[in-house]
Amino acid sequence: MRTPGAMPNHPQQHAADATTRPGARAAKQPHRHRAAPGWIPVDHERAGTMKKRVLIISFDYPPRRTSAVHRMTAMTRYLTDHGWEPTVLTIREERDASEPALLEKLPPQVRIVRTPYLRLMQLDNQAATVLRRAGFLPTSNNGRGPSQVGRWLRGMAALVRSTLYFPDETAGWIPFALLQAVRLHMERPFDLVYTTTPPRAAPVVGLLLKDLFGVPWVSEFMDPWYPKPQRLRARADSWLYAHVMRRADRVVVMMQGHADELIQRQGLPAEKFAVVRNGFWEEDFAALDATPANALPPGFVHLSHFGTVYHGNEGKFFEALAELLGECPELKARLRLNIGGYPHSGIVEFIRNSALNEITEFYPYLSDRTQVLQMLRASDFLLLLWGRPDYSRQAIAGKTYDYLRTGRPILAVTSPGGIQELIEGADAGWVLPPEDPARIKEILKSVLKNYQRKDALPHPRRPEFVAQFRWDRQAERLARVFEETVAHAR
């Protein structure tokens, strides 16, 4: 069994119509977003320009390697096809976690402005090192528990951390980003500001720009904001979450279920929200046909999962699969479980101490996207672990769209929500109830024991359903949201 690699710095995280259904508290009259005093719409005819200018504020952007960068790269690239001139405000390039190939997808007219930022986590780690060397924070393997002073220091550190890391650990970017955004807007005013989260620094900058200049603002939430456990911090998180949504002219989310919950919980009109889902790079799949097809060892039935597995999302899947191997030992010679990415430590420990150890291959982070797509294509089944009810209800794993486009049958361990709707809409596989090991085992047994060859498996029967999630089509929907926002603000 291969050893999993180190955890990434930033988790992967977080899909069809850009308009929402009427919510429980939809406004009786059409909702029109008014710009605050001080914002003057750009007269493009007089200025001799054809494209509207948008300031895109995103902490995560290529070459930084996180789950968010594909969406932001795609939106930036394809917005230029729909009458928008993007300027991207992001952090200065880092040496680690780099994926420079994505920068090659951007057209030359995209301007990227990078700023430094204060790394609060780095300061925190340095302080902890000093205290540990002083003996106040003993390491876990020195045979001693923390002293009373050590416990007090840990408690104080948690309190300070919850204050300094507001709205999250990227708070150190806010002053740098705000100053640069103000300078850019004063040089040449923007028609619209577009921010995305997570992480949470960007919408704070968007909020401040809205207050300063009244510029139309679209705030995007790729994932819900999950509050911190501390009571005061949870209240602050909830207040900021609500304030951002009220001040933004439009709010973009990734799935209808998230929009519906916000409409009901925040008491906001349904037309304030738009669903612009994640997607896939069609060009990457078109180029895949020219690459070798033997990315996985031949002669096995390959069940593959790619990406981070967050705690609790696996449900009872691995227990059910281990039980199935005990009941059907002949499967051990045929089945291979491939896990590419970063499962949490509980999954690794369970696999190592169970019958799954004999059939599992762990792959460290695969930096070559073509290699990942080759492995997806070479798999017989694709495994999707998204079982937590709060995740299932309000978010969709970004990998889902690559899975759908690959055309391999999907085994989705998920609660009712967006992923189930996508699997059923594309007729792309099976939905396994996360906490029902007997049912999981029943489905796996039926699927695996009856499997003969790849071409005998059901492929998505609705390719037109899957095609709507191409990045260029999702960017077109986002461009419509931008146009509506600017028109309503005039």
Foldseek 3Di string as FASTA:
>chain_A
DDDADDADPEADDWAFFFAADFAPQADPDDDFDAFDPQADADPCVVVVHFAAEEEEEEQDEAQAAYNCHVLVLLLQALVVVVRYQYEYEYADDDPPRTQHVSVVSHDPSYHYDHWHFDQPVVVVVVVVVVCCVVVQAPDPPPPDDGDPSNVVVVVVSVVVQLVVQVVHRRLRCQVRRLVVVVVVCVVPNGQEYEYEDDVDSGLVSVLVCCVVRRHAYEYEYRFDDDFDPDPVSSVVNVVVSLVSLVSHQAYEYHDNLQLNVCCVPNVDHSRSYTHQGAADAPVLVVVLVPDDQPLDPPQAQEEEEAGEDDPPLQFCQVVLVLVLCVVVVVNLVHYAYEYEYHYDPVVVVVCVPTPVVSRYDYHYHDSDVSSVLSVLLNHQEYEARGADQSCQRGTDGNCLLSNLVSQHAYEYAYDDHDSVCLCVVQVRYDYADRHDSVRSNVVCCVVVVPDDDSVVDDTRPCVVSSVSRHSSNSSVSVSVVSVSSSVSHD
